[in-house]
């Protein structure tokens, strides 16, 4: 099979634990693009927190794309052109806030390239570190969030958040719910996930799903792993998902992405 696209989750997949692209991963991804293969980043991150990595990999020079906010936005790297965007309504965000209060979780959303919350939390600090974004703590979440936003995240202790996830899926079946990290429960408009946006992008580019490789590590990657012609986990995949991919490669800290590229694209 001649693959035409490789789609990469970022945190805990492409990036090492210190949020860097390894020299080997960068080298082989540049080589893949030189062969005409699209390299696409697909992350729960906001667009602004992906751009520097995309440009480090020269996605702008190779006319490629990013799926940000778990696929709620598709954008072209070279000029920030938005091909697709789907937001939560204000009512939905306020309902999620009320639910978070009831369930004793923290909640954040994103407006004007800032993280918005009413509370402080060690988990919000992690999101600040990952994204490099400013955290705006407001006195009233519902008063401040007065317009649509792309997604919300509920944040709490991982074991408890598993219970919340099951409850939320039942309580709000009209929304898309997935886990990106054990303490991040991501919520977007129904139908929004990485596979749905990947399908839109692939169709635009005339690429069949059998010609796509997807690499990830977590629950919010599962749909694209199942959609792609070759679905790959890195070794640090969430344990209960290990049997859901076609292949498992080395971990994010051991150049797992490079292993895939060398084996299935360069060789």
Protein backbone atom coordinates (compact mmCIF):
# COMPACT_ATOMS: atom_id res chain seq x y z
CA UNK A 1 0.00 0.00 0.00
CA UNK A 2 1.26 3.46 -0.93
CA UNK A 3 0.12 5.75 1.87
CA UNK A 4 -0.63 9.37 0.97
CA UNK A 5 -1.29 10.83 4.43
CA UNK A 6 -0.14 10.31 8.01
CA UNK A 7 -2.23 11.89 10.75
CA UNK A 8 -0.60 12.39 14.14
CA UNK A 9 -1.94 13.09 17.58
CA UNK A 10 0.44 15.43 19.37
CA UNK A 11 0.62 15.10 23.15
CA UNK A 12 1.90 11.68 24.29
CA UNK A 13 2.19 10.57 20.63
CA UNK A 14 4.29 12.83 18.40
CA UNK A 15 5.63 14.86 21.31
CA UNK A 16 7.89 13.57 24.06
CA UNK A 17 6.87 14.04 27.67
CA UNK A 18 8.66 17.41 27.69
CA UNK A 19 6.48 18.56 24.75
CA UNK A 20 9.17 18.39 22.07
CA UNK A 21 9.45 16.78 18.63
CA UNK A 22 12.46 14.46 18.67
CA UNK A 23 15.18 14.95 16.07
CA UNK A 24 14.42 11.57 14.49
CA UNK A 25 10.67 12.17 14.30
CA UNK A 26 11.30 15.54 12.65
CA UNK A 27 13.80 14.11 10.19
CA UNK A 28 11.57 11.31 8.92
CA UNK A 29 8.45 13.50 8.74
CA UNK A 30 10.33 15.99 6.56
CA UNK A 31 11.45 13.10 4.38
CA UNK A 32 7.88 11.81 4.12
CA UNK A 33 6.70 15.21 2.93
CA UNK A 34 9.53 15.34 0.39
CA UNK A 35 7.98 12.16 -1.05
CA UNK A 36 4.62 13.94 -1.39
CA UNK A 37 2.93 12.45 1.68
CA UNK A 38 0.68 14.78 3.68
CA UNK A 39 1.61 15.10 7.35
CA UNK A 40 -1.43 16.28 9.34
CA UNK A 41 -1.56 17.13 13.05
CA UNK A 42 -4.76 16.15 14.88
CA UNK A 43 -5.05 17.28 18.49
CA UNK A 44 -7.40 18.31 21.24
CA UNK A 45 -5.22 21.42 21.51
CA UNK A 46 -6.46 24.84 20.42
CA UNK A 47 -5.18 25.87 16.99
CA UNK A 48 -2.84 28.48 18.46
CA UNK A 49 -1.13 25.80 20.57
CA UNK A 50 -0.39 23.66 17.50
CA UNK A 51 0.92 26.18 15.00
CA UNK A 52 4.55 26.40 16.12
CA UNK A 53 4.90 22.59 15.95
CA UNK A 54 3.26 22.52 12.51
CA UNK A 55 5.71 25.08 11.22
CA UNK A 56 8.65 23.27 12.83
CA UNK A 57 7.63 20.30 10.65
CA UNK A 58 7.23 22.65 7.64
CA UNK A 59 3.54 21.85 7.18
CA UNK A 60 3.13 25.43 5.98
CA UNK A 61 5.69 24.93 3.21
CA UNK A 62 4.06 21.63 2.20
CA UNK A 63 0.52 22.98 1.99
CA UNK A 64 -0.78 20.78 4.81
CA UNK A 65 -3.41 21.01 7.51
CA UNK A 66 -4.26 20.75 11.21
CA UNK A 67 -7.30 19.32 12.97
CA UNK A 68 -7.54 21.27 16.22
CA UNK A 69 -9.96 21.09 19.17
CA UNK A 70 -10.41 17.34 18.47
CA UNK A 71 -11.51 18.07 14.93
CA UNK A 72 -13.90 20.94 15.62
CA UNK A 73 -11.66 23.11 13.40
CA UNK A 74 -9.82 22.17 10.20
CA UNK A 75 -7.30 24.79 9.11
CA UNK A 76 -4.56 25.19 6.51
CA UNK A 77 -1.23 25.91 8.14
CA UNK A 78 0.30 28.29 5.58
CA UNK A 79 -2.42 30.95 5.80
CA UNK A 80 -4.68 29.93 8.71
CA UNK A 81 -7.58 29.38 6.30
CA UNK A 82 -10.41 27.66 8.19
CA UNK A 83 -12.02 24.93 6.10
CA UNK A 84 -14.43 23.76 8.78
CA UNK A 85 -15.54 24.92 12.22
CA UNK A 86 -18.24 23.70 14.59
CA UNK A 87 -18.94 25.30 17.99
CA UNK A 88 -20.97 24.61 21.10
CA UNK A 89 -23.84 27.00 21.65
CA UNK A 90 -23.91 29.30 24.67
CA UNK A 91 -26.82 27.29 26.08
CA UNK A 92 -24.85 24.04 25.76
CA UNK A 93 -21.81 25.57 27.46
CA UNK A 94 -23.94 26.91 30.32
CA UNK A 95 -25.61 23.50 30.71
CA UNK A 96 -22.14 21.92 30.91
CA UNK A 97 -21.16 24.44 33.57
CA UNK A 98 -24.24 23.54 35.64
CA UNK A 99 -23.41 19.86 35.20
CA UNK A 100 -19.81 20.43 36.30
CA UNK A 101 -21.00 22.15 39.47
CA UNK A 102 -23.39 19.27 40.19
CA UNK A 103 -20.63 16.70 39.61
CA UNK A 104 -17.92 18.67 41.42
CA UNK A 105 -15.52 18.99 38.50
CA UNK A 106 -13.64 21.99 37.16
CA UNK A 107 -14.62 23.30 33.73
CA UNK A 108 -12.76 25.35 31.15
CA UNK A 109 -13.48 26.71 27.71
CA UNK A 110 -11.57 28.92 25.27
CA UNK A 111 -12.33 32.45 24.11
CA UNK A 112 -10.01 34.95 22.39
CA UNK A 113 -7.09 32.51 22.62
CA UNK A 114 -7.41 32.33 26.42
CA UNK A 115 -8.37 29.53 28.80
CA UNK A 116 -11.50 30.57 30.71
CA UNK A 117 -12.49 29.15 34.10
CA UNK A 118 -14.06 30.13 37.39
CA UNK A 119 -11.67 28.01 39.46
CA UNK A 120 -8.02 27.11 39.87
CA UNK A 121 -6.83 23.51 39.64
CA UNK A 122 -3.63 21.53 39.23
CA UNK A 123 -5.21 20.16 36.04
CA UNK A 124 -5.84 23.64 34.64
CA UNK A 125 -2.17 24.35 35.36
CA UNK A 126 -1.29 21.35 33.19
CA UNK A 127 -3.41 22.72 30.33
CA UNK A 128 -1.65 26.08 30.69
CA UNK A 129 1.71 24.34 30.50
CA UNK A 130 0.74 22.25 27.48
CA UNK A 131 -0.78 25.05 25.44
CA UNK A 132 1.22 28.07 26.62
CA UNK A 133 -2.05 29.99 26.76
CA UNK A 134 -3.12 32.65 29.26
CA UNK A 135 -5.58 31.50 31.93
CA UNK A 136 -8.31 34.03 32.63
CA UNK A 137 -10.05 33.27 35.93
CA UNK A 138 -13.47 34.93 35.98
CA UNK A 139 -15.93 35.56 38.78
CA UNK A 140 -18.86 34.12 36.81
CA UNK A 141 -18.24 31.56 34.07
CA UNK A 142 -21.76 31.84 32.68
CA UNK A 143 -21.72 35.63 32.62
CA UNK A 144 -18.35 35.73 30.88
CA UNK A 145 -19.06 33.03 28.32
CA UNK A 146 -21.67 34.91 26.32
CA UNK A 147 -20.91 33.54 22.85
CA UNK A 148 -20.30 30.14 21.25
CA UNK A 149 -17.00 28.34 21.87
CA UNK A 150 -15.44 25.32 20.23
CA UNK A 151 -15.25 22.97 23.22
CA UNK A 152 -15.24 22.59 26.98
CA UNK A 153 -13.09 20.37 29.18
CA UNK A 154 -14.18 18.94 32.51
CA UNK A 155 -11.18 18.32 34.78
CA UNK A 156 -10.89 16.15 37.88
CA UNK A 157 -9.09 13.16 39.39
CA UNK A 158 -8.76 10.44 36.71
CA UNK A 159 -10.59 7.66 38.54
CA UNK A 160 -13.53 9.90 39.38
CA UNK A 161 -13.58 11.36 35.86
CA UNK A 162 -14.20 7.87 34.42
CA UNK A 163 -17.48 7.83 36.37
CA UNK A 164 -18.31 11.34 35.19
CA UNK A 165 -17.68 10.35 31.56
CA UNK A 166 -20.17 7.48 31.70
CA UNK A 167 -22.75 9.69 33.40
CA UNK A 168 -22.27 12.61 31.00
CA UNK A 169 -22.67 10.41 27.91
CA UNK A 170 -26.04 9.27 29.28
CA UNK A 171 -27.07 12.71 30.55
CA UNK A 172 -26.13 14.68 27.41
CA UNK A 173 -26.28 12.24 24.47
CA UNK A 174 -26.51 15.22 22.11
CA UNK A 175 -22.81 16.04 22.71
CA UNK A 176 -19.52 14.40 21.75
CA UNK A 177 -17.52 13.25 24.81
CA UNK A 178 -13.99 11.82 24.86
CA UNK A 179 -10.90 11.60 27.06
CA UNK A 180 -7.63 13.16 25.87
CA UNK A 181 -5.71 12.73 29.13
CA UNK A 182 -6.95 10.80 32.17
CA UNK A 183 -7.88 14.10 33.87
CA UNK A 184 -9.29 15.87 30.74
CA UNK A 185 -12.85 15.03 29.65
CA UNK A 186 -13.42 16.86 26.37
CA UNK A 187 -16.88 17.90 25.19
CA UNK A 188 -17.80 19.19 21.73
CA UNK A 189 -20.77 19.31 19.41
CA UNK A 190 -22.24 15.93 18.51
CA UNK A 191 -20.49 14.39 15.52
CA UNK A 192 -17.24 16.20 16.22
CA UNK A 193 -14.28 13.90 16.51
CA UNK A 194 -10.94 13.40 14.79
CA UNK A 195 -12.26 10.81 12.32
CA UNK A 196 -15.16 12.97 11.12
CA UNK A 197 -12.85 15.88 10.32
CA UNK A 198 -10.19 13.58 8.87
CA UNK A 199 -12.83 12.18 6.51
CA UNK A 200 -13.78 15.70 5.38
CA UNK A 201 -10.16 16.64 4.77
CA UNK A 202 -9.31 13.40 2.97
CA UNK A 203 -12.29 13.80 0.66
CA UNK A 204 -11.21 17.37 -0.15
CA UNK A 205 -7.73 16.12 -1.04
CA UNK A 206 -8.95 13.07 -2.98
CA UNK A 207 -7.36 10.60 -0.55
CA UNK A 208 -9.10 7.31 0.28
CA UNK A 209 -9.21 6.19 3.89
CA UNK A 210 -7.18 3.09 2.95
CA UNK A 211 -4.32 5.47 2.01
CA UNK A 212 -4.18 7.04 5.49
CA UNK A 213 -2.09 6.16 8.55
CA UNK A 214 -3.27 7.49 11.92
CA UNK A 215 -1.15 7.41 15.09
CA UNK A 216 -2.41 8.15 18.59
CA UNK A 217 -2.47 7.12 22.23
CA UNK A 218 -5.77 8.04 23.89
CA UNK A 219 -9.54 7.84 23.81
CA UNK A 220 -9.97 10.96 21.68
CA UNK A 221 -7.79 9.29 19.01
CA UNK A 222 -9.83 6.11 18.80
CA UNK A 223 -12.19 7.20 16.01
CA UNK A 224 -9.34 8.14 13.66
CA UNK A 225 -7.40 4.98 14.55
CA UNK A 226 -10.46 2.95 13.54
CA UNK A 227 -11.11 5.06 10.43
CA UNK A 228 -7.61 5.05 8.92
CA UNK A 229 -6.36 2.32 6.63
CA UNK A 230 -3.60 1.70 9.17
CA UNK A 231 -4.39 2.60 12.78
CA UNK A 232 -1.40 2.70 15.12
CA UNK A 233 -0.97 3.16 18.86
CA UNK A 234 2.27 4.23 20.47
CA UNK A 235 3.26 1.89 23.29
CA UNK A 236 2.10 4.32 26.02
CA UNK A 237 -1.51 3.96 24.82
CA UNK A 238 -4.28 4.01 27.42
CA UNK A 239 -4.24 0.34 28.58
CA UNK A 240 -7.87 -0.49 27.87
CA UNK A 241 -7.44 0.61 24.22
CA UNK A 242 -4.41 -1.55 23.34
CA UNK A 243 -6.37 -4.05 21.24
CA UNK A 244 -8.18 -1.40 19.18
CA UNK A 245 -5.42 -0.66 16.63
CA UNK A 246 -3.76 -2.57 13.79
CA UNK A 247 -0.29 -2.08 15.25
CA UNK A 248 1.57 -0.90 18.36
CA UNK A 249 4.96 0.80 18.01
CA UNK A 250 7.47 2.28 20.45
CA UNK A 251 6.37 4.96 22.93
CA UNK A 252 6.23 8.71 22.40
CA UNK A 253 9.59 9.01 24.19
CA UNK A 254 11.19 6.38 21.95
CA UNK A 255 10.40 7.67 18.44
CA UNK A 256 7.30 5.56 17.85
CA UNK A 257 6.14 7.93 15.10
CA UNK A 258 9.48 7.59 13.30
CA UNK A 259 9.13 3.81 13.46
CA UNK A 260 5.81 4.02 11.59
CA UNK A 261 7.11 6.44 8.97
CA UNK A 262 10.29 4.46 8.30
CA UNK A 263 8.43 1.16 8.02
CA UNK A 264 5.38 2.15 6.00
CA UNK A 265 6.33 5.32 4.08
CA UNK A 266 10.08 5.60 3.59
CA UNK A 267 10.72 1.89 3.10
